[in-house]
Amino acid sequence: MPIEALRAALLAGASADGFGGDHAVSGHPEEPPEIRGALARAAVLMAVTTEREPQLLLTRRQAHLKRHAGQIAFPGGRMDAGDASLVVTALREAEEEVALAREHVEVLGMLENYTTGTGFAVTPVVGLVPPGLLLHAHAGEVAEMFHVPLAHVLDPRNHELRMGEWLGKPRRTFVIRHGGREIWGATAGMIVNLSKRIRL
């Protein structure tokens, strides 16, 4: 997928049929009452390499972490009091987690907020980065970092809906497979939303 198509899609605005969060993927129009009104602000960086076949940067979180342990995720985290914006949050977290210097990131825009079942309102920040950057995973937070082809993960034919259970209730989640890995949950949901944005 050409970078210019991605750039144009971010300028076009929100997708009318994007998913507002895990609850929406499961078919519920609103967040569960136990988290509604108490959502923590967070941001992630969807870093796309500027090459002929663009790649999307992902990480796998360490197994000992308190939240989302062992899951595949974008670099990102909770907004700090000193962050001037959610874009700053995403860039700061990417620096901390994978040593991606913010001066290497061209921010294209943001997707609609995505509410997680764990009580976060996540703002995905989409940015372009040069290929071949030397990155380093923060050993305390990141077990591994890797790239996946952007065209593959954005292809709706690779977006599988799987039934499961969350806190004793039925739950649907997107799963995207690549290279023996499974991207699922909020990370997959945000990728699906980017796919919908590009197909506007």
N, C-alpha and C. Protein backbone atom coordinates (compact mmCIF):
# COMPACT_ATOMS: atom_id res chain seq x y z
N MET A 1 0.84 -1.19 0.00
CA MET A 1 0.00 0.00 0.00
C MET A 1 0.88 1.25 0.00
N PRO A 2 0.70 2.13 -0.98
CA PRO A 2 1.55 3.32 -1.05
C PRO A 2 1.38 4.22 0.18
N ILE A 3 2.47 4.87 0.56
CA ILE A 3 2.44 5.77 1.70
C ILE A 3 1.47 6.92 1.45
N GLU A 4 1.37 7.38 0.19
CA GLU A 4 0.48 8.51 -0.10
C GLU A 4 -0.98 8.16 0.16
N ALA A 5 -1.36 6.89 -0.03
CA ALA A 5 -2.73 6.48 0.27
C ALA A 5 -2.98 6.56 1.77
N LEU A 6 -1.98 6.19 2.55
CA LEU A 6 -2.10 6.29 4.00
C LEU A 6 -2.20 7.76 4.43
N ARG A 7 -1.39 8.59 3.84
CA ARG A 7 -1.40 10.01 4.17
C ARG A 7 -2.77 10.62 3.85
N ALA A 8 -3.32 10.29 2.68
CA ALA A 8 -4.62 10.82 2.28
C ALA A 8 -5.73 10.34 3.20
N ALA A 9 -5.65 9.08 3.63
CA ALA A 9 -6.68 8.52 4.49
C ALA A 9 -6.72 9.22 5.84
N LEU A 10 -5.56 9.58 6.37
CA LEU A 10 -5.52 10.26 7.67
C LEU A 10 -6.07 11.68 7.56
N LEU A 11 -5.94 12.29 6.39
CA LEU A 11 -6.48 13.63 6.19
C LEU A 11 -7.99 13.60 6.00
N ALA A 12 -8.52 12.45 5.58
CA ALA A 12 -9.94 12.35 5.22
C ALA A 12 -10.87 12.40 6.41
N GLY A 13 -10.38 12.05 7.59
CA GLY A 13 -11.24 12.08 8.78
C GLY A 13 -11.67 10.70 9.22
N ALA A 14 -12.46 10.66 10.28
CA ALA A 14 -12.84 9.40 10.92
C ALA A 14 -13.73 8.56 10.02
N SER A 15 -13.60 7.25 10.17
CA SER A 15 -14.47 6.31 9.46
C SER A 15 -15.79 6.19 10.20
N ALA A 16 -16.89 6.26 9.45
CA ALA A 16 -18.21 6.20 10.08
C ALA A 16 -18.48 4.85 10.72
N ASP A 17 -17.83 3.80 10.22
CA ASP A 17 -18.10 2.47 10.75
C ASP A 17 -16.93 1.91 11.56
N GLY A 18 -16.06 2.79 12.05
CA GLY A 18 -14.97 2.33 12.91
C GLY A 18 -15.50 1.85 14.26
N PHE A 19 -14.74 0.97 14.89
CA PHE A 19 -15.13 0.42 16.19
C PHE A 19 -14.64 1.34 17.30
N GLY A 20 -15.53 1.68 18.23
CA GLY A 20 -15.17 2.56 19.34
C GLY A 20 -14.43 1.87 20.46
N GLY A 21 -14.30 0.55 20.38
CA GLY A 21 -13.59 -0.17 21.42
C GLY A 21 -13.94 -1.64 21.44
N ASP A 22 -13.39 -2.35 22.44
CA ASP A 22 -13.65 -3.78 22.57
C ASP A 22 -15.14 -4.07 22.69
N HIS A 23 -15.87 -3.19 23.38
CA HIS A 23 -17.31 -3.41 23.55
C HIS A 23 -18.03 -3.39 22.21
N ALA A 24 -17.61 -2.49 21.30
CA ALA A 24 -18.26 -2.37 20.00
C ALA A 24 -17.99 -3.60 19.13
N VAL A 25 -16.77 -4.13 19.21
CA VAL A 25 -16.45 -5.35 18.46
C VAL A 25 -17.35 -6.49 18.92
N SER A 26 -17.67 -6.50 20.21
CA SER A 26 -18.53 -7.54 20.77
C SER A 26 -20.02 -7.27 20.53
N GLY A 27 -20.33 -6.17 19.85
CA GLY A 27 -21.72 -5.90 19.51
C GLY A 27 -22.48 -5.05 20.49
N HIS A 28 -21.78 -4.41 21.45
CA HIS A 28 -22.45 -3.57 22.44
C HIS A 28 -22.22 -2.10 22.09
N PRO A 29 -23.28 -1.28 22.04
CA PRO A 29 -23.12 0.11 21.61
C PRO A 29 -22.39 1.00 22.60
N GLU A 30 -22.37 0.64 23.88
CA GLU A 30 -21.73 1.48 24.89
C GLU A 30 -20.73 0.69 25.72
N GLU A 31 -19.83 1.43 26.37
CA GLU A 31 -18.87 0.78 27.26
C GLU A 31 -19.61 0.14 28.43
N PRO A 32 -19.03 -0.93 29.01
CA PRO A 32 -19.64 -1.53 30.21
C PRO A 32 -19.75 -0.49 31.32
N PRO A 33 -20.83 -0.55 32.10
CA PRO A 33 -21.02 0.47 33.15
C PRO A 33 -19.91 0.51 34.18
N GLU A 34 -19.19 -0.61 34.38
CA GLU A 34 -18.14 -0.62 35.39
C GLU A 34 -16.93 0.22 34.99
N ILE A 35 -16.77 0.54 33.69
CA ILE A 35 -15.64 1.37 33.28
C ILE A 35 -16.08 2.72 32.73
N ARG A 36 -17.35 2.87 32.39
CA ARG A 36 -17.83 4.11 31.81
C ARG A 36 -17.64 5.26 32.81
N GLY A 37 -17.08 6.35 32.35
CA GLY A 37 -16.87 7.51 33.21
C GLY A 37 -15.59 7.46 34.02
N ALA A 38 -14.86 6.35 33.93
CA ALA A 38 -13.61 6.23 34.70
C ALA A 38 -12.46 5.77 33.80
N LEU A 39 -12.51 6.18 32.54
CA LEU A 39 -11.50 5.73 31.59
C LEU A 39 -10.22 6.55 31.73
N ALA A 40 -9.08 5.86 31.74
CA ALA A 40 -7.78 6.53 31.77
C ALA A 40 -7.35 6.84 30.33
N ARG A 41 -6.79 8.02 30.10
CA ARG A 41 -6.33 8.40 28.77
C ARG A 41 -4.98 7.75 28.49
N ALA A 42 -4.85 7.26 27.26
CA ALA A 42 -3.61 6.61 26.83
C ALA A 42 -3.45 6.83 25.33
N ALA A 43 -2.25 6.58 24.83
CA ALA A 43 -1.99 6.71 23.40
C ALA A 43 -0.98 5.67 22.98
N VAL A 44 -1.08 5.26 21.72
CA VAL A 44 -0.11 4.33 21.14
C VAL A 44 0.39 4.92 19.83
N LEU A 45 1.57 4.47 19.41
CA LEU A 45 2.14 4.92 18.14
C LEU A 45 2.07 3.78 17.13
N MET A 46 1.34 4.03 16.05
CA MET A 46 1.31 3.10 14.92
C MET A 46 2.37 3.58 13.94
N ALA A 47 3.59 3.06 14.08
CA ALA A 47 4.74 3.53 13.30
C ALA A 47 4.87 2.71 12.02
N VAL A 48 4.80 3.39 10.89
CA VAL A 48 4.84 2.76 9.57
C VAL A 48 6.13 3.18 8.87
N THR A 49 6.87 2.21 8.34
CA THR A 49 8.13 2.53 7.66
C THR A 49 7.86 3.04 6.25
N THR A 50 8.69 4.00 5.83
CA THR A 50 8.54 4.60 4.50
C THR A 50 9.41 3.84 3.50
N GLU A 51 8.91 2.71 3.07
CA GLU A 51 9.62 1.91 2.08
C GLU A 51 8.61 1.38 1.07
N ARG A 52 9.11 0.71 0.03
CA ARG A 52 8.23 0.26 -1.05
C ARG A 52 7.11 -0.63 -0.53
N GLU A 53 7.43 -1.51 0.40
CA GLU A 53 6.42 -2.33 1.07
C GLU A 53 6.42 -1.94 2.54
N PRO A 54 5.62 -0.94 2.92
CA PRO A 54 5.66 -0.41 4.29
C PRO A 54 5.41 -1.48 5.34
N GLN A 55 6.11 -1.33 6.46
CA GLN A 55 6.00 -2.26 7.58
C GLN A 55 5.44 -1.53 8.80
N LEU A 56 4.74 -2.27 9.65
CA LEU A 56 4.15 -1.71 10.87
C LEU A 56 4.89 -2.27 12.07
N LEU A 57 5.33 -1.38 12.96
CA LEU A 57 6.09 -1.79 14.14
C LEU A 57 5.16 -2.27 15.25
N LEU A 58 5.47 -3.43 15.81
CA LEU A 58 4.72 -3.98 16.93
C LEU A 58 5.70 -4.50 17.98
N THR A 59 5.20 -4.67 19.20
CA THR A 59 6.00 -5.24 20.28
C THR A 59 5.22 -6.36 20.95
N ARG A 60 5.93 -7.19 21.67
CA ARG A 60 5.26 -8.14 22.57
C ARG A 60 5.68 -7.77 23.98
N ARG A 61 4.68 -7.54 24.83
CA ARG A 61 4.94 -7.08 26.18
C ARG A 61 5.50 -8.20 27.05
N GLN A 62 6.30 -7.82 28.03
CA GLN A 62 6.88 -8.80 28.94
C GLN A 62 5.79 -9.54 29.72
N ALA A 63 6.05 -10.79 30.03
CA ALA A 63 5.06 -11.64 30.68
C ALA A 63 4.77 -11.25 32.13
N HIS A 64 5.69 -10.50 32.76
CA HIS A 64 5.50 -10.17 34.17
C HIS A 64 4.73 -8.87 34.40
N LEU A 65 4.39 -8.16 33.34
CA LEU A 65 3.74 -6.87 33.50
C LEU A 65 2.34 -7.02 34.09
N LYS A 66 1.90 -5.98 34.80
CA LYS A 66 0.62 -6.02 35.50
C LYS A 66 -0.55 -6.00 34.52
N ARG A 67 -0.42 -5.24 33.43
CA ARG A 67 -1.50 -5.12 32.45
C ARG A 67 -1.05 -5.63 31.09
N HIS A 68 -1.92 -6.37 30.43
CA HIS A 68 -1.71 -6.84 29.06
C HIS A 68 -0.40 -7.63 28.92
N ALA A 69 -0.10 -8.42 29.93
CA ALA A 69 1.15 -9.19 29.94
C ALA A 69 1.22 -10.16 28.77
N GLY A 70 2.37 -10.17 28.09
CA GLY A 70 2.61 -11.11 27.01
C GLY A 70 1.87 -10.81 25.72
N GLN A 71 1.10 -9.74 25.68
CA GLN A 71 0.31 -9.45 24.50
C GLN A 71 1.11 -8.67 23.46
N ILE A 72 0.70 -8.83 22.20
CA ILE A 72 1.26 -8.03 21.13
C ILE A 72 0.59 -6.66 21.16
N ALA A 73 1.39 -5.61 21.07
CA ALA A 73 0.85 -4.26 21.24
C ALA A 73 1.69 -3.26 20.46
N PHE A 74 1.14 -2.07 20.29
CA PHE A 74 1.92 -0.95 19.79
C PHE A 74 2.68 -0.32 20.94
N PRO A 75 3.81 0.33 20.67
CA PRO A 75 4.43 1.13 21.73
C PRO A 75 3.43 2.18 22.21
N GLY A 76 3.31 2.32 23.51
CA GLY A 76 2.35 3.29 24.02
C GLY A 76 2.06 3.08 25.49
N GLY A 77 1.21 3.94 26.03
CA GLY A 77 0.87 3.82 27.44
C GLY A 77 0.03 4.98 27.92
N ARG A 78 -0.08 5.07 29.22
CA ARG A 78 -0.94 6.06 29.88
C ARG A 78 -0.37 7.48 29.71
N MET A 79 -1.27 8.43 29.57
CA MET A 79 -0.86 9.84 29.47
C MET A 79 -0.36 10.32 30.82
N ASP A 80 0.83 10.94 30.83
CA ASP A 80 1.39 11.51 32.05
C ASP A 80 0.93 12.95 32.22
N ALA A 81 0.97 13.42 33.45
CA ALA A 81 0.55 14.80 33.74
C ALA A 81 1.38 15.81 32.96
N GLY A 82 2.64 15.49 32.69
CA GLY A 82 3.50 16.43 31.97
C GLY A 82 3.39 16.38 30.47
N ASP A 83 2.58 15.48 29.92
CA ASP A 83 2.42 15.38 28.47
C ASP A 83 1.51 16.50 27.97
N ALA A 84 1.99 17.26 26.99
CA ALA A 84 1.20 18.37 26.46
C ALA A 84 0.03 17.89 25.62
N SER A 85 0.12 16.68 25.07
CA SER A 85 -0.95 16.14 24.23
C SER A 85 -0.80 14.63 24.17
N LEU A 86 -1.80 13.98 23.59
CA LEU A 86 -1.72 12.53 23.42
C LEU A 86 -0.70 12.15 22.36
N VAL A 87 -0.43 13.03 21.42
CA VAL A 87 0.66 12.78 20.47
C VAL A 87 1.98 12.71 21.22
N VAL A 88 2.19 13.63 22.14
CA VAL A 88 3.40 13.62 22.97
C VAL A 88 3.47 12.32 23.77
N THR A 89 2.35 11.87 24.29
CA THR A 89 2.32 10.61 25.04
C THR A 89 2.81 9.46 24.17
N ALA A 90 2.28 9.35 22.96
CA ALA A 90 2.66 8.26 22.06
C ALA A 90 4.14 8.31 21.71
N LEU A 91 4.65 9.51 21.42
CA LEU A 91 6.06 9.65 21.06
C LEU A 91 6.96 9.36 22.25
N ARG A 92 6.58 9.83 23.43
CA ARG A 92 7.38 9.58 24.63
C ARG A 92 7.45 8.09 24.93
N GLU A 93 6.31 7.42 24.86
CA GLU A 93 6.28 5.99 25.15
C GLU A 93 7.10 5.20 24.14
N ALA A 94 7.07 5.60 22.87
CA ALA A 94 7.87 4.91 21.86
C ALA A 94 9.36 5.08 22.13
N GLU A 95 9.75 6.27 22.60
CA GLU A 95 11.15 6.48 22.98
C GLU A 95 11.53 5.58 24.14
N GLU A 96 10.65 5.48 25.13
CA GLU A 96 10.96 4.70 26.32
C GLU A 96 10.98 3.20 26.04
N GLU A 97 10.06 2.73 25.21
CA GLU A 97 9.91 1.29 25.03
C GLU A 97 10.84 0.70 23.98
N VAL A 98 11.06 1.43 22.87
CA VAL A 98 11.86 0.86 21.78
C VAL A 98 12.95 1.81 21.29
N ALA A 99 13.21 2.90 22.02
CA ALA A 99 14.25 3.87 21.67
C ALA A 99 14.05 4.48 20.29
N LEU A 100 12.78 4.70 19.93
CA LEU A 100 12.45 5.38 18.68
C LEU A 100 12.41 6.89 18.95
N ALA A 101 13.45 7.59 18.51
CA ALA A 101 13.55 9.03 18.77
C ALA A 101 12.43 9.77 18.05
N ARG A 102 11.81 10.70 18.76
CA ARG A 102 10.64 11.38 18.19
C ARG A 102 10.96 12.20 16.96
N GLU A 103 12.22 12.63 16.81
CA GLU A 103 12.57 13.41 15.63
C GLU A 103 12.54 12.57 14.35
N HIS A 104 12.50 11.25 14.50
CA HIS A 104 12.40 10.37 13.33
C HIS A 104 10.96 10.10 12.91
N VAL A 105 10.00 10.61 13.66
CA VAL A 105 8.59 10.29 13.40
C VAL A 105 7.89 11.48 12.76
N GLU A 106 7.29 11.24 11.60
CA GLU A 106 6.41 12.23 10.96
C GLU A 106 4.98 11.86 11.30
N VAL A 107 4.36 12.61 12.18
CA VAL A 107 2.99 12.30 12.60
C VAL A 107 2.01 12.68 11.50
N LEU A 108 1.21 11.69 11.07
CA LEU A 108 0.21 11.92 10.02
C LEU A 108 -1.14 12.32 10.59
N GLY A 109 -1.46 11.79 11.75
CA GLY A 109 -2.76 12.07 12.34
C GLY A 109 -3.13 11.03 13.37
N MET A 110 -4.38 11.08 13.79
CA MET A 110 -4.86 10.17 14.83
C MET A 110 -6.13 9.46 14.36
N LEU A 111 -6.33 8.26 14.86
CA LEU A 111 -7.58 7.54 14.65
C LEU A 111 -8.53 7.85 15.80
N GLU A 112 -9.77 7.40 15.66
CA GLU A 112 -10.76 7.57 16.72
C GLU A 112 -10.30 6.82 17.97
N ASN A 113 -10.70 7.32 19.13
CA ASN A 113 -10.34 6.66 20.38
C ASN A 113 -10.89 5.24 20.41
N TYR A 114 -10.13 4.37 21.06
CA TYR A 114 -10.52 2.97 21.18
C TYR A 114 -10.54 2.62 22.67
N THR A 115 -11.72 2.23 23.17
CA THR A 115 -11.88 1.91 24.58
C THR A 115 -11.58 0.43 24.82
N THR A 116 -10.71 0.16 25.78
CA THR A 116 -10.36 -1.23 26.09
C THR A 116 -11.19 -1.74 27.27
N GLY A 117 -11.31 -3.04 27.34
CA GLY A 117 -12.04 -3.65 28.45
C GLY A 117 -11.35 -3.47 29.78
N THR A 118 -10.08 -3.04 29.75
CA THR A 118 -9.33 -2.81 30.98
C THR A 118 -9.41 -1.36 31.45
N GLY A 119 -10.25 -0.54 30.80
CA GLY A 119 -10.51 0.79 31.31
C GLY A 119 -9.68 1.92 30.74
N PHE A 120 -9.18 1.77 29.51
CA PHE A 120 -8.40 2.83 28.89
C PHE A 120 -9.11 3.36 27.65
N ALA A 121 -9.05 4.67 27.45
CA ALA A 121 -9.46 5.29 26.20
C ALA A 121 -8.18 5.58 25.43
N VAL A 122 -7.90 4.77 24.42
CA VAL A 122 -6.61 4.81 23.73
C VAL A 122 -6.74 5.61 22.43
N THR A 123 -5.84 6.57 22.24
CA THR A 123 -5.77 7.33 21.00
C THR A 123 -4.63 6.79 20.15
N PRO A 124 -4.92 6.18 19.00
CA PRO A 124 -3.86 5.71 18.12
C PRO A 124 -3.30 6.87 17.29
N VAL A 125 -2.00 7.07 17.37
CA VAL A 125 -1.30 8.10 16.61
C VAL A 125 -0.54 7.41 15.48
N VAL A 126 -0.82 7.81 14.25
CA VAL A 126 -0.19 7.19 13.09
C VAL A 126 0.96 8.06 12.63
N GLY A 127 2.14 7.44 12.47
CA GLY A 127 3.31 8.19 12.06
C GLY A 127 4.19 7.40 11.10
N LEU A 128 4.95 8.13 10.31
CA LEU A 128 5.90 7.53 9.38
C LEU A 128 7.30 7.58 9.97
N VAL A 129 8.05 6.50 9.76
CA VAL A 129 9.44 6.44 10.24
C VAL A 129 10.32 5.89 9.12
N PRO A 130 11.59 6.29 9.07
CA PRO A 130 12.48 5.75 8.05
C PRO A 130 12.72 4.26 8.30
N PRO A 131 12.92 3.48 7.24
CA PRO A 131 13.25 2.07 7.43
C PRO A 131 14.67 1.92 7.94
N GLY A 132 14.93 0.81 8.61
CA GLY A 132 16.29 0.49 9.03
C GLY A 132 16.80 1.21 10.25
N LEU A 133 15.91 1.85 11.01
CA LEU A 133 16.36 2.50 12.25
C LEU A 133 16.84 1.46 13.25
N LEU A 134 17.87 1.80 13.99
CA LEU A 134 18.40 0.91 15.03
C LEU A 134 17.60 1.15 16.31
N LEU A 135 16.72 0.22 16.64
CA LEU A 135 15.87 0.34 17.82
C LEU A 135 16.33 -0.63 18.89
N HIS A 136 15.99 -0.32 20.14
CA HIS A 136 16.36 -1.17 21.27
C HIS A 136 15.15 -1.33 22.18
N ALA A 137 14.80 -2.57 22.46
CA ALA A 137 13.66 -2.84 23.33
C ALA A 137 14.02 -2.58 24.79
N HIS A 138 13.13 -1.93 25.52
CA HIS A 138 13.29 -1.74 26.96
C HIS A 138 13.05 -3.10 27.62
N ALA A 139 14.09 -3.68 28.20
CA ALA A 139 14.01 -5.06 28.70
C ALA A 139 12.95 -5.24 29.77
N GLY A 140 12.65 -4.20 30.52
CA GLY A 140 11.67 -4.33 31.59
C GLY A 140 10.24 -4.36 31.10
N GLU A 141 10.00 -3.87 29.87
CA GLU A 141 8.64 -3.78 29.36
C GLU A 141 8.40 -4.59 28.10
N VAL A 142 9.42 -4.70 27.25
CA VAL A 142 9.23 -5.27 25.92
C VAL A 142 10.03 -6.56 25.78
N ALA A 143 9.32 -7.65 25.48
CA ALA A 143 9.99 -8.94 25.29
C ALA A 143 10.61 -9.04 23.91
N GLU A 144 9.95 -8.48 22.91
CA GLU A 144 10.48 -8.45 21.55
C GLU A 144 9.77 -7.36 20.76
N MET A 145 10.42 -6.93 19.70
CA MET A 145 9.78 -6.00 18.76
C MET A 145 9.99 -6.56 17.37
N PHE A 146 9.03 -6.29 16.50
CA PHE A 146 9.08 -6.87 15.15
C PHE A 146 8.21 -6.03 14.23
N HIS A 147 8.36 -6.27 12.93
CA HIS A 147 7.55 -5.58 11.93
C HIS A 147 6.66 -6.59 11.20
N VAL A 148 5.51 -6.11 10.76
CA VAL A 148 4.62 -6.91 9.92
C VAL A 148 4.28 -6.07 8.69
N PRO A 149 4.05 -6.72 7.54
CA PRO A 149 3.70 -5.95 6.33
C PRO A 149 2.38 -5.21 6.52
N LEU A 150 2.39 -3.91 6.28
CA LEU A 150 1.18 -3.12 6.47
C LEU A 150 0.06 -3.63 5.57
N ALA A 151 0.37 -3.98 4.33
CA ALA A 151 -0.66 -4.45 3.41
C ALA A 151 -1.35 -5.70 3.93
N HIS A 152 -0.59 -6.57 4.57
CA HIS A 152 -1.17 -7.82 5.09
C HIS A 152 -2.14 -7.55 6.23
N VAL A 153 -1.73 -6.75 7.19
CA VAL A 153 -2.58 -6.55 8.37
C VAL A 153 -3.78 -5.66 8.07
N LEU A 154 -3.70 -4.83 7.03
CA LEU A 154 -4.84 -3.98 6.68
C LEU A 154 -5.84 -4.69 5.77
N ASP A 155 -5.48 -5.82 5.21
CA ASP A 155 -6.36 -6.55 4.30
C ASP A 155 -7.52 -7.16 5.08
N PRO A 156 -8.77 -6.76 4.81
CA PRO A 156 -9.91 -7.30 5.56
C PRO A 156 -10.02 -8.82 5.51
N ARG A 157 -9.45 -9.43 4.49
CA ARG A 157 -9.49 -10.90 4.41
C ARG A 157 -8.67 -11.55 5.52
N ASN A 158 -7.81 -10.79 6.15
CA ASN A 158 -6.99 -11.32 7.25
C ASN A 158 -7.53 -10.94 8.62
N HIS A 159 -8.73 -10.36 8.67
CA HIS A 159 -9.34 -9.95 9.94
C HIS A 159 -10.35 -11.00 10.38
N GLU A 160 -9.93 -11.85 11.27
CA GLU A 160 -10.78 -12.94 11.77
C GLU A 160 -11.49 -12.51 13.05
N LEU A 161 -12.79 -12.78 13.14
CA LEU A 161 -13.53 -12.53 14.38
C LEU A 161 -13.61 -13.83 15.16
N ARG A 162 -13.16 -13.78 16.41
CA ARG A 162 -13.13 -14.98 17.24
C ARG A 162 -13.97 -14.76 18.49
N MET A 163 -14.73 -15.79 18.85
CA MET A 163 -15.52 -15.74 20.08
C MET A 163 -14.68 -16.20 21.26
N GLY A 164 -14.85 -15.52 22.38
CA GLY A 164 -14.14 -15.90 23.60
C GLY A 164 -14.94 -15.47 24.81
N GLU A 165 -14.24 -15.27 25.92
CA GLU A 165 -14.90 -14.89 27.17
C GLU A 165 -14.04 -13.86 27.89
N TRP A 166 -14.69 -12.85 28.48
CA TRP A 166 -13.99 -11.83 29.26
C TRP A 166 -14.81 -11.55 30.51
N LEU A 167 -14.19 -11.79 31.67
CA LEU A 167 -14.86 -11.58 32.96
C LEU A 167 -16.19 -12.32 33.02
N GLY A 168 -16.17 -13.54 32.49
CA GLY A 168 -17.36 -14.39 32.57
C GLY A 168 -18.43 -14.10 31.54
N LYS A 169 -18.16 -13.18 30.60
CA LYS A 169 -19.15 -12.82 29.59
C LYS A 169 -18.61 -13.14 28.20
N PRO A 170 -19.50 -13.52 27.26
CA PRO A 170 -19.05 -13.76 25.89
C PRO A 170 -18.44 -12.50 25.29
N ARG A 171 -17.41 -12.71 24.50
CA ARG A 171 -16.72 -11.57 23.90
C ARG A 171 -16.20 -11.94 22.53
N ARG A 172 -16.37 -11.03 21.58
CA ARG A 172 -15.78 -11.20 20.25
C ARG A 172 -14.53 -10.33 20.17
N THR A 173 -13.54 -10.83 19.48
CA THR A 173 -12.33 -10.04 19.28
C THR A 173 -11.77 -10.31 17.90
N PHE A 174 -11.13 -9.32 17.32
CA PHE A 174 -10.44 -9.53 16.05
C PHE A 174 -9.11 -10.22 16.30
N VAL A 175 -8.75 -11.09 15.36
CA VAL A 175 -7.45 -11.75 15.37
C VAL A 175 -6.85 -11.60 13.97
N ILE A 176 -5.59 -11.18 13.92
CA ILE A 176 -4.86 -11.06 12.66
C ILE A 176 -3.60 -11.91 12.78
N ARG A 177 -3.45 -12.88 11.91
CA ARG A 177 -2.31 -13.80 11.99
C ARG A 177 -1.22 -13.38 11.01
N HIS A 178 0.02 -13.54 11.46
CA HIS A 178 1.15 -13.34 10.55
C HIS A 178 2.40 -13.94 11.17
N GLY A 179 3.12 -14.72 10.39
CA GLY A 179 4.41 -15.25 10.81
C GLY A 179 4.37 -16.05 12.09
N GLY A 180 3.30 -16.80 12.31
CA GLY A 180 3.18 -17.61 13.51
C GLY A 180 2.71 -16.85 14.73
N ARG A 181 2.46 -15.56 14.59
CA ARG A 181 1.97 -14.74 15.70
C ARG A 181 0.49 -14.42 15.50
N GLU A 182 -0.18 -14.12 16.61
CA GLU A 182 -1.57 -13.68 16.56
C GLU A 182 -1.68 -12.30 17.20
N ILE A 183 -2.11 -11.34 16.40
CA ILE A 183 -2.40 -9.99 16.89
C ILE A 183 -3.89 -9.98 17.22
N TRP A 184 -4.25 -9.62 18.44
CA TRP A 184 -5.66 -9.71 18.80
C TRP A 184 -6.04 -8.57 19.76
N GLY A 185 -7.31 -8.55 20.13
CA GLY A 185 -7.78 -7.57 21.11
C GLY A 185 -7.74 -6.15 20.59
N ALA A 186 -7.40 -5.22 21.47
CA ALA A 186 -7.42 -3.80 21.12
C ALA A 186 -6.45 -3.48 19.99
N THR A 187 -5.28 -4.12 19.98
CA THR A 187 -4.30 -3.86 18.92
C THR A 187 -4.88 -4.22 17.56
N ALA A 188 -5.49 -5.39 17.46
CA ALA A 188 -6.13 -5.79 16.21
C ALA A 188 -7.29 -4.86 15.87
N GLY A 189 -8.06 -4.46 16.88
CA GLY A 189 -9.19 -3.56 16.64
C GLY A 189 -8.75 -2.23 16.06
N MET A 190 -7.63 -1.69 16.54
CA MET A 190 -7.13 -0.43 16.01
C MET A 190 -6.61 -0.59 14.59
N ILE A 191 -6.02 -1.74 14.29
CA ILE A 191 -5.59 -2.01 12.91
C ILE A 191 -6.80 -2.08 11.99
N VAL A 192 -7.86 -2.73 12.44
CA VAL A 192 -9.09 -2.81 11.64
C VAL A 192 -9.65 -1.40 11.40
N ASN A 193 -9.61 -0.55 12.41
CA ASN A 193 -10.09 0.83 12.23
C ASN A 193 -9.25 1.59 11.20
N LEU A 194 -7.93 1.37 11.20
CA LEU A 194 -7.09 2.01 10.19
C LEU A 194 -7.44 1.48 8.81
N SER A 195 -7.70 0.19 8.71
CA SER A 195 -8.11 -0.41 7.44
C SER A 195 -9.40 0.23 6.94
N LYS A 196 -10.36 0.43 7.84
CA LYS A 196 -11.62 1.06 7.46
C LYS A 196 -11.40 2.50 7.01
N ARG A 197 -10.51 3.20 7.66
CA ARG A 197 -10.22 4.59 7.30
C ARG A 197 -9.66 4.65 5.87
N ILE A 198 -8.78 3.73 5.54
CA ILE A 198 -8.15 3.74 4.22
C ILE A 198 -9.14 3.39 3.13
N ARG A 199 -10.18 2.63 3.47
CA ARG A 199 -11.17 2.22 2.48
C ARG A 199 -12.30 3.24 2.34
N LEU A 200 -12.20 4.42 2.96
CA LEU A 200 -13.24 5.44 2.84
C LEU A 200 -13.45 5.84 1.37
